[in-house]
Amino acid sequence: MKRYLFIVVLLISITAPVMVPSHSFATTIAAIMSSDQPRYREAHQAFLKAIAGRGYAAPATEIVLLTPNPDPLSWIAAVRKLNSSRPDLIVTYGAPAALTAVRESIGIPVVSVDVFVSDQAPKGVCGVSSRVSMATLLKTLLGIHPAQRIGVLYSPREFGSQQQFDDVKKYAGKLGIAIVEGCVTSAATLDPELNRLLDKCDGVIVTEGGILGQQFDQIIARAKARKVPIASTMPGAAEKGAIVSLEINPQEQGHLAAEMAARILEGAKTEFLPLVPPHQIELVINVRRAREIGMEVPYPILRSATRTIQ
């Protein structure tokens, strides 16, 4: 009887289909956004198109997008969840998600997109930088509207936003310009900080950040009513009413990230890959908005612009 059972079990083991996780036959890419911003959505769509062009498309490739709440605990929870599911690659949008993924992921390579960091990239971060010259942004604003006090809205919880604020402070000090901090730690703190800056300052710089990006239209409307010029690094800022914007191209960010992601999926190691700078940077001047708030843009400033909005 025992011999008969052994033969039956052996036959079943030979004839039964082998159950292998689908992950063995497919590439899985997980994407995490620091916050749900249009710039990150646009970069992600460009990434999807570019990575598909390199042979990583459905049904062989699965790409999962995570949009956690824009706070440190949510970013950490998202990465730790991926440690359990074990994707082949993590793609992050924005510095907060990027730095969290590099720190918290266990053995999963990370490609960072739209990361504003200082000249020296943090250890382990590869991908595409969104670093632009805050000196150029500040000098252009001052060239249109000479000012002695400039307010800066920034979020200390977001690495890129903090970096931009630090850069503005450094360059403003060299120019003898006073900087007034507008520290936004939550959505509830935005209104009082913005009102304080509009009361005290001749112009306001809005750094990148989840809360600031989500409330940018409100910031623009209030500044227009007070005839205070806004400058920003957010893609599309000038179209929305900033008189100066210094913008990276989200589509380029996605394409460059796809190139690096493909290299990693084909065997490259992240520790040997760089954080590449953006190639396409636009200095956009909104001449129409400047006139609406009683300012004229000098000809030398217009000549320096990549694009103008009339």
C-alpha atoms as a PDB file:
ATOM      1  CA  MET A   1       0.000   0.000   0.000  1.00  0.00           C
ATOM      2  CA  LYS A   2       2.773   2.425   0.873  1.00  0.00           C
ATOM      3  CA  ARG A   3       4.544   1.607  -2.409  1.00  0.00           C
ATOM      4  CA  TYR A   4       1.313   2.311  -4.305  1.00  0.00           C
ATOM      5  CA  LEU A   5       0.889   5.706  -2.617  1.00  0.00           C
ATOM      6  CA  PHE A   6       4.487   6.605  -3.415  1.00  0.00           C
ATOM      7  CA  ILE A   7       3.940   5.837  -7.119  1.00  0.00           C
ATOM      8  CA  VAL A   8       0.742   7.927  -7.199  1.00  0.00           C
ATOM      9  CA  VAL A   9       2.456  10.891  -5.559  1.00  0.00           C
ATOM     10  CA  LEU A  10       5.391  10.580  -7.958  1.00  0.00           C
ATOM     11  CA  LEU A  11       3.077  10.505 -10.994  1.00  0.00           C
ATOM     12  CA  ILE A  12       1.183  13.575  -9.741  1.00  0.00           C
ATOM     13  CA  SER A  13       4.422  15.478  -9.187  1.00  0.00           C
ATOM     14  CA  ILE A  14       5.544  14.687 -12.734  1.00  0.00           C
ATOM     15  CA  THR A  15       2.271  15.481 -14.520  1.00  0.00           C
ATOM     16  CA  ALA A  16       1.060  18.464 -12.439  1.00  0.00           C
ATOM     17  CA  PRO A  17       1.853  21.947 -13.849  1.00  0.00           C
ATOM     18  CA  VAL A  18       4.650  23.787 -12.104  1.00  0.00           C
ATOM     19  CA  MET A  19       3.281  26.860 -10.288  1.00  0.00           C
ATOM     20  CA  VAL A  20       5.845  29.618 -10.779  1.00  0.00           C
ATOM     21  CA  PRO A  21       5.080  33.204  -9.743  1.00  0.00           C
ATOM     22  CA  SER A  22       4.320  35.395 -12.735  1.00  0.00           C
ATOM     23  CA  HIS A  23       7.137  37.691 -11.602  1.00  0.00           C
ATOM     24  CA  SER A  24       9.563  35.065 -12.985  1.00  0.00           C
ATOM     25  CA  PHE A  25       8.269  35.765 -16.497  1.00  0.00           C
ATOM     26  CA  ALA A  26       7.831  39.549 -16.283  1.00  0.00           C
ATOM     27  CA  THR A  27       9.609  42.723 -15.308  1.00  0.00           C
ATOM     28  CA  THR A  28       7.949  44.699 -12.540  1.00  0.00           C
ATOM     29  CA  ILE A  29       8.616  48.406 -12.114  1.00  0.00           C
ATOM     30  CA  ALA A  30       7.165  50.331  -9.179  1.00  0.00           C
ATOM     31  CA  ALA A  31       6.875  54.122  -9.364  1.00  0.00           C
ATOM     32  CA  ILE A  32       6.408  56.405  -6.348  1.00  0.00           C
ATOM     33  CA  MET A  33       5.435  60.081  -6.494  1.00  0.00           C
ATOM     34  CA  SER A  34       6.459  62.402  -3.675  1.00  0.00           C
ATOM     35  CA  SER A  35       3.107  64.134  -4.230  1.00  0.00           C
ATOM     36  CA  ASP A  36       0.443  64.034  -6.910  1.00  0.00           C
ATOM     37  CA  GLN A  37       1.654  66.931  -9.052  1.00  0.00           C
ATOM     38  CA  PRO A  38       1.097  67.589 -12.777  1.00  0.00           C
ATOM     39  CA  ARG A  39       4.878  67.777 -13.343  1.00  0.00           C
ATOM     40  CA  TYR A  40       5.337  64.267 -11.946  1.00  0.00           C
ATOM     41  CA  ARG A  41       2.357  62.914 -13.906  1.00  0.00           C
ATOM     42  CA  GLU A  42       3.774  64.358 -17.121  1.00  0.00           C
ATOM     43  CA  ALA A  43       7.224  62.919 -16.413  1.00  0.00           C
ATOM     44  CA  HIS A  44       5.697  59.523 -15.617  1.00  0.00           C
ATOM     45  CA  GLN A  45       3.721  59.442 -18.864  1.00  0.00           C
ATOM     46  CA  ALA A  46       6.916  60.247 -20.771  1.00  0.00           C
ATOM     47  CA  PHE A  47       8.713  57.491 -18.829  1.00  0.00           C
ATOM     48  CA  LEU A  48       6.028  54.941 -19.741  1.00  0.00           C
ATOM     49  CA  LYS A  49       6.265  55.785 -23.424  1.00  0.00           C
ATOM     50  CA  ALA A  50      10.059  55.767 -23.476  1.00  0.00           C
ATOM     51  CA  ILE A  51      10.499  52.547 -21.494  1.00  0.00           C
ATOM     52  CA  ALA A  52       7.953  50.808 -23.732  1.00  0.00           C
ATOM     53  CA  GLY A  53      10.019  51.892 -26.726  1.00  0.00           C
ATOM     54  CA  ARG A  54      12.928  50.007 -25.186  1.00  0.00           C
ATOM     55  CA  GLY A  55      10.956  46.776 -25.014  1.00  0.00           C
ATOM     56  CA  TYR A  56       9.495  47.036 -21.512  1.00  0.00           C
ATOM     57  CA  ALA A  57       5.753  47.054 -22.131  1.00  0.00           C
ATOM     58  CA  ALA A  58       2.680  44.978 -21.270  1.00  0.00           C
ATOM     59  CA  PRO A  59       2.109  42.087 -21.023  1.00  0.00           C
ATOM     60  CA  ALA A  60       5.746  41.240 -20.263  1.00  0.00           C
ATOM     61  CA  THR A  61       6.250  44.312 -18.051  1.00  0.00           C
ATOM     62  CA  GLU A  62       4.069  45.528 -15.216  1.00  0.00           C
ATOM     63  CA  ILE A  63       4.399  49.128 -14.025  1.00  0.00           C
ATOM     64  CA  VAL A  64       2.652  50.039 -10.777  1.00  0.00           C
ATOM     65  CA  LEU A  65       2.235  53.663  -9.688  1.00  0.00           C
ATOM     66  CA  LEU A  66       1.999  54.618  -5.993  1.00  0.00           C
ATOM     67  CA  THR A  67       0.902  58.096  -4.869  1.00  0.00           C
ATOM     68  CA  PRO A  68       1.229  58.111  -1.066  1.00  0.00           C
ATOM     69  CA  ASN A  69       0.283  61.114   1.033  1.00  0.00           C
ATOM     70  CA  PRO A  70       3.025  63.776   0.881  1.00  0.00           C
ATOM     71  CA  ASP A  71       4.522  63.098   4.299  1.00  0.00           C
ATOM     72  CA  PRO A  72       7.562  61.138   5.540  1.00  0.00           C
ATOM     73  CA  LEU A  73       5.625  58.291   7.149  1.00  0.00           C
ATOM     74  CA  SER A  74       3.668  57.647   3.959  1.00  0.00           C
ATOM     75  CA  TRP A  75       6.816  57.643   1.810  1.00  0.00           C
ATOM     76  CA  ILE A  76       8.467  55.172   4.182  1.00  0.00           C
ATOM     77  CA  ALA A  77       5.381  52.923   4.244  1.00  0.00           C
ATOM     78  CA  ALA A  78       5.247  52.856   0.437  1.00  0.00           C
ATOM     79  CA  VAL A  79       8.891  51.801   0.121  1.00  0.00           C
ATOM     80  CA  ARG A  80       8.620  49.145   2.830  1.00  0.00           C
ATOM     81  CA  LYS A  81       5.583  47.705   1.071  1.00  0.00           C
ATOM     82  CA  LEU A  82       7.716  47.359  -2.058  1.00  0.00           C
ATOM     83  CA  ASN A  83      10.396  45.569  -0.042  1.00  0.00           C
ATOM     84  CA  SER A  84       7.816  42.795   0.388  1.00  0.00           C
ATOM     85  CA  SER A  85       6.604  42.646  -3.223  1.00  0.00           C
ATOM     86  CA  ARG A  86      10.167  42.848  -4.632  1.00  0.00           C
ATOM     87  CA  PRO A  87       9.838  44.749  -7.925  1.00  0.00           C
ATOM     88  CA  ASP A  88      12.826  44.734 -10.273  1.00  0.00           C
ATOM     89  CA  LEU A  89      13.152  48.514 -10.084  1.00  0.00           C
ATOM     90  CA  ILE A  90      11.773  51.519  -8.196  1.00  0.00           C
ATOM     91  CA  VAL A  91      11.325  54.820 -10.036  1.00  0.00           C
ATOM     92  CA  THR A  92      10.716  57.862  -7.841  1.00  0.00           C
ATOM     93  CA  TYR A  93       9.480  61.359  -8.667  1.00  0.00           C
ATOM     94  CA  GLY A  94      10.715  64.208  -6.484  1.00  0.00           C
ATOM     95  CA  ALA A  95      13.477  64.345  -3.900  1.00  0.00           C
ATOM     96  CA  PRO A  96      11.428  63.188  -0.857  1.00  0.00           C
ATOM     97  CA  ALA A  97      10.415  59.854  -2.408  1.00  0.00           C
ATOM     98  CA  ALA A  98      13.870  59.428  -3.966  1.00  0.00           C
ATOM     99  CA  LEU A  99      15.825  59.873  -0.747  1.00  0.00           C
ATOM    100  CA  THR A 100      13.364  57.696   1.178  1.00  0.00           C
ATOM    101  CA  ALA A 101      13.607  54.898  -1.388  1.00  0.00           C
ATOM    102  CA  VAL A 102      17.400  54.974  -1.444  1.00  0.00           C
ATOM    103  CA  ARG A 103      17.476  54.827   2.359  1.00  0.00           C
ATOM    104  CA  GLU A 104      14.672  52.296   2.964  1.00  0.00           C
ATOM    105  CA  SER A 105      14.716  49.915  -0.002  1.00  0.00           C
ATOM    106  CA  ILE A 106      16.472  46.606   0.504  1.00  0.00           C
ATOM    107  CA  GLY A 107      18.347  45.401  -2.554  1.00  0.00           C
ATOM    108  CA  ILE A 108      16.019  47.075  -5.064  1.00  0.00           C
ATOM    109  CA  PRO A 109      17.648  49.535  -7.491  1.00  0.00           C
ATOM    110  CA  VAL A 110      16.207  53.070  -7.522  1.00  0.00           C
ATOM    111  CA  VAL A 111      16.068  55.574 -10.390  1.00  0.00           C
ATOM    112  CA  SER A 112      15.253  59.101  -9.242  1.00  0.00           C
ATOM    113  CA  VAL A 113      13.390  61.628 -11.411  1.00  0.00           C
ATOM    114  CA  ASP A 114      12.965  65.400 -10.936  1.00  0.00           C
ATOM    115  CA  VAL A 115      15.321  65.639  -7.959  1.00  0.00           C
ATOM    116  CA  PHE A 116      16.570  69.085  -6.958  1.00  0.00           C
ATOM    117  CA  VAL A 117      19.784  68.524  -5.031  1.00  0.00           C
ATOM    118  CA  SER A 118      23.002  70.444  -4.472  1.00  0.00           C
ATOM    119  CA  ASP A 119      26.038  70.107  -6.735  1.00  0.00           C
ATOM    120  CA  GLN A 120      27.031  66.926  -4.921  1.00  0.00           C
ATOM    121  CA  ALA A 121      24.328  64.275  -5.254  1.00  0.00           C
ATOM    122  CA  PRO A 122      23.486  62.324  -2.080  1.00  0.00           C
ATOM    123  CA  LYS A 123      25.139  58.914  -1.872  1.00  0.00           C
ATOM    124  CA  GLY A 124      23.257  56.225  -3.774  1.00  0.00           C
ATOM    125  CA  VAL A 125      21.088  58.620  -5.819  1.00  0.00           C
ATOM    126  CA  CYS A 126      21.159  58.158  -9.590  1.00  0.00           C
ATOM    127  CA  GLY A 127      18.708  59.364 -12.201  1.00  0.00           C
ATOM    128  CA  VAL A 128      17.766  62.838 -13.437  1.00  0.00           C
ATOM    129  CA  SER A 129      18.273  66.095 -11.555  1.00  0.00           C
ATOM    130  CA  SER A 130      15.908  69.058 -11.796  1.00  0.00           C
ATOM    131  CA  ARG A 131      18.491  71.508 -10.452  1.00  0.00           C
ATOM    132  CA  VAL A 132      18.275  74.984 -11.964  1.00  0.00           C
ATOM    133  CA  SER A 133      20.099  78.186 -11.075  1.00  0.00           C
ATOM    134  CA  MET A 134      18.260  79.984  -8.291  1.00  0.00           C
ATOM    135  CA  ALA A 135      20.694  82.872  -8.845  1.00  0.00           C
ATOM    136  CA  THR A 136      19.319  83.281 -12.382  1.00  0.00           C
ATOM    137  CA  LEU A 137      15.736  83.195 -11.092  1.00  0.00           C
ATOM    138  CA  LEU A 138      16.458  85.778  -8.397  1.00  0.00           C
ATOM    139  CA  LYS A 139      18.467  88.099 -10.684  1.00  0.00           C
ATOM    140  CA  THR A 140      15.751  87.992 -13.351  1.00  0.00           C
ATOM    141  CA  LEU A 141      13.062  88.885 -10.812  1.00  0.00           C
ATOM    142  CA  LEU A 142      15.178  91.772  -9.520  1.00  0.00           C
ATOM    143  CA  GLY A 143      15.849  92.912 -13.083  1.00  0.00           C
ATOM    144  CA  ILE A 144      12.103  93.339 -13.620  1.00  0.00           C
ATOM    145  CA  HIS A 145      11.269  94.630 -10.157  1.00  0.00           C
ATOM    146  CA  PRO A 146      14.182  95.938  -8.043  1.00  0.00           C
ATOM    147  CA  ALA A 147      13.422  94.908  -4.483  1.00  0.00           C
ATOM    148  CA  GLN A 148      15.030  94.942  -1.061  1.00  0.00           C
ATOM    149  CA  ARG A 149      12.906  92.238   0.568  1.00  0.00           C
ATOM    150  CA  ILE A 150      12.104  88.961  -1.156  1.00  0.00           C
ATOM    151  CA  GLY A 151       9.859  86.345   0.424  1.00  0.00           C
ATOM    152  CA  VAL A 152      10.472  82.646  -0.174  1.00  0.00           C
ATOM    153  CA  LEU A 153       7.734  80.052   0.262  1.00  0.00           C
ATOM    154  CA  TYR A 154       9.295  76.668   0.955  1.00  0.00           C
ATOM    155  CA  SER A 155       8.607  73.360   2.680  1.00  0.00           C
ATOM    156  CA  PRO A 156      11.346  72.186   5.070  1.00  0.00           C
ATOM    157  CA  ARG A 157       9.927  68.651   4.899  1.00  0.00           C
ATOM    158  CA  GLU A 158      10.785  68.404   1.185  1.00  0.00           C
ATOM    159  CA  PHE A 159      14.474  68.178   0.351  1.00  0.00           C
ATOM    160  CA  GLY A 160      14.275  69.954  -3.026  1.00  0.00           C
ATOM    161  CA  SER A 161      12.245  72.832  -1.640  1.00  0.00           C
ATOM    162  CA  GLN A 162      14.700  73.284   1.240  1.00  0.00           C
ATOM    163  CA  GLN A 163      17.632  73.197  -1.197  1.00  0.00           C
ATOM    164  CA  GLN A 164      16.063  75.919  -3.334  1.00  0.00           C
ATOM    165  CA  PHE A 165      15.475  78.080  -0.277  1.00  0.00           C
ATOM    166  CA  ASP A 166      19.088  77.638   0.822  1.00  0.00           C
ATOM    167  CA  ASP A 167      20.318  78.606  -2.650  1.00  0.00           C
ATOM    168  CA  VAL A 168      18.184  81.762  -2.706  1.00  0.00           C
ATOM    169  CA  LYS A 169      19.473  82.790   0.732  1.00  0.00           C
ATOM    170  CA  LYS A 170      23.067  82.306  -0.372  1.00  0.00           C
ATOM    171  CA  TYR A 171      22.735  84.401  -3.522  1.00  0.00           C
ATOM    172  CA  ALA A 172      20.538  87.046  -1.899  1.00  0.00           C
ATOM    173  CA  GLY A 173      23.214  87.605   0.738  1.00  0.00           C
ATOM    174  CA  LYS A 174      25.763  88.341  -1.991  1.00  0.00           C
ATOM    175  CA  LEU A 175      23.383  90.866  -3.562  1.00  0.00           C
ATOM    176  CA  GLY A 176      22.495  92.561  -0.275  1.00  0.00           C
ATOM    177  CA  ILE A 177      18.846  91.500  -0.493  1.00  0.00           C
ATOM    178  CA  ALA A 178      16.872  90.617   2.658  1.00  0.00           C
ATOM    179  CA  ILE A 179      15.092  87.265   2.601  1.00  0.00           C
ATOM    180  CA  VAL A 180      11.853  86.655   4.507  1.00  0.00           C
ATOM    181  CA  GLU A 181      11.109  82.981   5.180  1.00  0.00           C
ATOM    182  CA  GLY A 182       7.685  81.565   4.434  1.00  0.00           C
ATOM    183  CA  CYS A 183       7.941  78.133   6.063  1.00  0.00           C
ATOM    184  CA  VAL A 184       5.032  75.909   4.980  1.00  0.00           C
ATOM    185  CA  THR A 185       4.841  72.697   7.013  1.00  0.00           C
ATOM    186  CA  SER A 186       1.236  71.791   6.156  1.00  0.00           C
ATOM    187  CA  ALA A 187      -1.687  73.007   4.049  1.00  0.00           C
ATOM    188  CA  ALA A 188      -3.030  74.860   7.098  1.00  0.00           C
ATOM    189  CA  THR A 189       0.119  76.966   7.415  1.00  0.00           C
ATOM    190  CA  LEU A 190       0.144  78.163   3.801  1.00  0.00           C
ATOM    191  CA  ASP A 191      -2.435  80.969   4.095  1.00  0.00           C
ATOM    192  CA  PRO A 192      -0.906  82.769   7.098  1.00  0.00           C
ATOM    193  CA  GLU A 193       2.630  82.422   5.715  1.00  0.00           C
ATOM    194  CA  LEU A 194       1.599  83.714   2.293  1.00  0.00           C
ATOM    195  CA  ASN A 195      -0.299  86.663   3.771  1.00  0.00           C
ATOM    196  CA  ARG A 196       2.698  87.573   5.928  1.00  0.00           C
ATOM    197  CA  LEU A 197       5.023  87.551   2.910  1.00  0.00           C
ATOM    198  CA  LEU A 198       2.639  89.607   0.782  1.00  0.00           C
ATOM    199  CA  ASP A 199       2.463  92.192   3.606  1.00  0.00           C
ATOM    200  CA  LYS A 200       6.217  92.462   4.062  1.00  0.00           C
ATOM    201  CA  CYS A 201       7.859  91.731   0.716  1.00  0.00           C
ATOM    202  CA  ASP A 202       8.324  93.304  -2.718  1.00  0.00           C
ATOM    203  CA  GLY A 203       8.345  89.927  -4.463  1.00  0.00           C
ATOM    204  CA  VAL A 204       7.887  86.230  -3.650  1.00  0.00           C
ATOM    205  CA  ILE A 205       9.739  83.133  -4.868  1.00  0.00           C
ATOM    206  CA  VAL A 206       7.736  79.904  -4.708  1.00  0.00           C
ATOM    207  CA  THR A 207       9.940  76.805  -4.497  1.00  0.00           C
ATOM    208  CA  GLU A 208       8.950  73.340  -5.651  1.00  0.00           C
ATOM    209  CA  GLY A 209       6.894  71.227  -3.251  1.00  0.00           C
ATOM    210  CA  GLY A 210       3.734  69.169  -2.968  1.00  0.00           C
ATOM    211  CA  ILE A 211       1.610  71.605  -0.961  1.00  0.00           C
ATOM    212  CA  LEU A 212       2.884  74.637  -2.872  1.00  0.00           C
ATOM    213  CA  GLY A 213       2.238  72.961  -6.201  1.00  0.00           C
ATOM    214  CA  GLN A 214      -1.297  71.975  -5.255  1.00  0.00           C
ATOM    215  CA  GLN A 215      -2.093  75.514  -4.064  1.00  0.00           C
ATOM    216  CA  PHE A 216      -0.157  77.412  -6.731  1.00  0.00           C
ATOM    217  CA  ASP A 217      -3.243  78.905  -8.424  1.00  0.00           C
ATOM    218  CA  GLN A 218      -4.355  80.305  -5.054  1.00  0.00           C
ATOM    219  CA  ILE A 219      -0.887  81.779  -4.432  1.00  0.00           C
ATOM    220  CA  ILE A 220      -0.925  83.450  -7.847  1.00  0.00           C
ATOM    221  CA  ALA A 221      -4.433  84.898  -7.369  1.00  0.00           C
ATOM    222  CA  ARG A 222      -3.591  86.450  -4.000  1.00  0.00           C
ATOM    223  CA  ALA A 223      -0.300  87.872  -5.232  1.00  0.00           C
ATOM    224  CA  LYS A 224      -1.989  89.396  -8.285  1.00  0.00           C
ATOM    225  CA  ALA A 225      -4.598  91.086  -6.101  1.00  0.00           C
ATOM    226  CA  ARG A 226      -1.774  92.620  -4.036  1.00  0.00           C
ATOM    227  CA  LYS A 227       0.337  93.429  -7.141  1.00  0.00           C
ATOM    228  CA  VAL A 228       3.251  91.391  -5.814  1.00  0.00           C
ATOM    229  CA  PRO A 229       5.313  89.574  -8.479  1.00  0.00           C
ATOM    230  CA  ILE A 230       5.845  85.827  -8.218  1.00  0.00           C
ATOM    231  CA  ALA A 231       8.852  83.852  -9.489  1.00  0.00           C
ATOM    232  CA  SER A 232       8.986  80.059  -9.401  1.00  0.00           C
ATOM    233  CA  THR A 233      10.745  76.913 -10.600  1.00  0.00           C
ATOM    234  CA  MET A 234       7.559  74.911 -11.146  1.00  0.00           C
ATOM    235  CA  PRO A 235       6.927  73.780 -14.726  1.00  0.00           C
ATOM    236  CA  GLY A 236       4.053  75.839 -16.133  1.00  0.00           C
ATOM    237  CA  ALA A 237       4.396  78.536 -13.460  1.00  0.00           C
ATOM    238  CA  ALA A 238       4.605  81.427 -15.910  1.00  0.00           C
ATOM    239  CA  GLU A 239       1.536  80.210 -17.794  1.00  0.00           C
ATOM    240  CA  LYS A 240      -0.334  80.270 -14.490  1.00  0.00           C
ATOM    241  CA  GLY A 241       0.717  83.832 -13.657  1.00  0.00           C
ATOM    242  CA  ALA A 242       4.262  83.979 -12.313  1.00  0.00           C
ATOM    243  CA  ILE A 243       6.146  86.815 -14.004  1.00  0.00           C
ATOM    244  CA  VAL A 244       9.322  84.694 -14.071  1.00  0.00           C
ATOM    245  CA  SER A 245       9.779  80.943 -14.137  1.00  0.00           C
ATOM    246  CA  LEU A 246      12.875  78.828 -14.599  1.00  0.00           C
ATOM    247  CA  GLU A 247      11.566  75.441 -15.700  1.00  0.00           C
ATOM    248  CA  ILE A 248      12.854  71.977 -16.424  1.00  0.00           C
ATOM    249  CA  ASN A 249      11.051  69.865 -19.016  1.00  0.00           C
ATOM    250  CA  PRO A 250       9.076  67.005 -17.370  1.00  0.00           C
ATOM    251  CA  GLN A 251       8.986  65.031 -20.620  1.00  0.00           C
ATOM    252  CA  GLU A 252      12.756  65.139 -20.877  1.00  0.00           C
ATOM    253  CA  GLN A 253      12.951  63.980 -17.262  1.00  0.00           C
ATOM    254  CA  GLY A 254      10.855  60.925 -18.100  1.00  0.00           C
ATOM    255  CA  HIS A 255      12.841  60.058 -21.230  1.00  0.00           C
ATOM    256  CA  LEU A 256      16.220  60.339 -19.496  1.00  0.00           C
ATOM    257  CA  ALA A 257      14.941  58.247 -16.579  1.00  0.00           C
ATOM    258  CA  ALA A 258      13.751  55.529 -18.992  1.00  0.00           C
ATOM    259  CA  GLU A 259      17.227  55.365 -20.549  1.00  0.00           C
ATOM    260  CA  MET A 260      18.784  54.834 -17.142  1.00  0.00           C
ATOM    261  CA  ALA A 261      16.082  52.373 -16.054  1.00  0.00           C
ATOM    262  CA  ALA A 262      16.695  50.241 -19.148  1.00  0.00           C
ATOM    263  CA  ARG A 263      20.420  50.176 -18.416  1.00  0.00           C
ATOM    264  CA  ILE A 264      19.755  48.961 -14.869  1.00  0.00           C
ATOM    265  CA  LEU A 265      17.270  46.308 -15.984  1.00  0.00           C
ATOM    266  CA  GLU A 266      19.918  45.093 -18.410  1.00  0.00           C
ATOM    267  CA  GLY A 267      22.540  44.735 -15.697  1.00  0.00           C
ATOM    268  CA  ALA A 268      24.044  48.146 -14.854  1.00  0.00           C
ATOM    269  CA  LYS A 269      24.635  48.906 -11.165  1.00  0.00           C
ATOM    270  CA  THR A 270      23.164  52.067  -9.660  1.00  0.00           C
ATOM    271  CA  GLU A 271      26.360  52.840  -7.749  1.00  0.00           C
ATOM    272  CA  PHE A 272      28.131  53.395 -11.080  1.00  0.00           C
ATOM    273  CA  LEU A 273      25.423  55.610 -12.585  1.00  0.00           C
ATOM    274  CA  PRO A 274      25.231  59.400 -12.195  1.00  0.00           C
ATOM    275  CA  LEU A 275      22.527  61.906 -11.363  1.00  0.00           C
ATOM    276  CA  VAL A 276      22.439  63.627 -14.759  1.00  0.00           C
ATOM    277  CA  PRO A 277      21.528  67.314 -15.063  1.00  0.00           C
ATOM    278  CA  PRO A 278      18.542  68.492 -17.103  1.00  0.00           C
ATOM    279  CA  HIS A 279      19.391  69.531 -20.648  1.00  0.00           C
ATOM    280  CA  GLN A 280      16.268  71.556 -21.381  1.00  0.00           C
ATOM    281  CA  ILE A 281      15.787  74.553 -19.064  1.00  0.00           C
ATOM    282  CA  GLU A 282      13.528  77.442 -19.999  1.00  0.00           C
ATOM    283  CA  LEU A 283      13.584  80.969 -18.602  1.00  0.00           C
ATOM    284  CA  VAL A 284      10.013  82.140 -19.200  1.00  0.00           C
ATOM    285  CA  ILE A 285       8.867  85.758 -18.767  1.00  0.00           C
ATOM    286  CA  ASN A 286       5.171  86.556 -18.476  1.00  0.00           C
ATOM    287  CA  VAL A 287       5.114  90.073 -19.931  1.00  0.00           C
ATOM    288  CA  ARG A 288       1.317  90.233 -19.798  1.00  0.00           C
ATOM    289  CA  ARG A 289       1.166  89.530 -16.055  1.00  0.00           C
ATOM    290  CA  ALA A 290       3.975  92.024 -15.380  1.00  0.00           C
ATOM    291  CA  ARG A 291       1.949  94.753 -17.069  1.00  0.00           C
ATOM    292  CA  GLU A 292      -1.208  93.736 -15.214  1.00  0.00           C
ATOM    293  CA  ILE A 293       0.501  94.441 -11.906  1.00  0.00           C
ATOM    294  CA  GLY A 294       2.087  97.682 -13.139  1.00  0.00           C
ATOM    295  CA  MET A 295       5.569  96.536 -14.174  1.00  0.00           C
ATOM    296  CA  GLU A 296       7.490  96.766 -17.431  1.00  0.00           C
ATOM    297  CA  VAL A 297      10.050  94.157 -18.430  1.00  0.00           C
ATOM    298  CA  PRO A 298      13.348  95.770 -19.544  1.00  0.00           C
ATOM    299  CA  TYR A 299      14.644  94.808 -22.969  1.00  0.00           C
ATOM    300  CA  PRO A 300      17.828  93.085 -21.648  1.00  0.00           C
ATOM    301  CA  ILE A 301      15.617  90.771 -19.562  1.00  0.00           C
ATOM    302  CA  LEU A 302      13.456  89.972 -22.583  1.00  0.00           C
ATOM    303  CA  ARG A 303      16.558  89.121 -24.585  1.00  0.00           C
ATOM    304  CA  SER A 304      17.690  86.662 -21.925  1.00  0.00           C
ATOM    305  CA  ALA A 305      14.365  84.809 -21.929  1.00  0.00           C
ATOM    306  CA  THR A 306      13.926  81.477 -23.665  1.00  0.00           C
ATOM    307  CA  ARG A 307      10.244  82.234 -24.101  1.00  0.00           C
ATOM    308  CA  THR A 308       7.874  85.104 -23.374  1.00  0.00           C
ATOM    309  CA  ILE A 309       4.137  85.249 -22.728  1.00  0.00           C
ATOM    310  CA  GLN A 310       2.667  88.386 -24.266  1.00  0.00           C
END
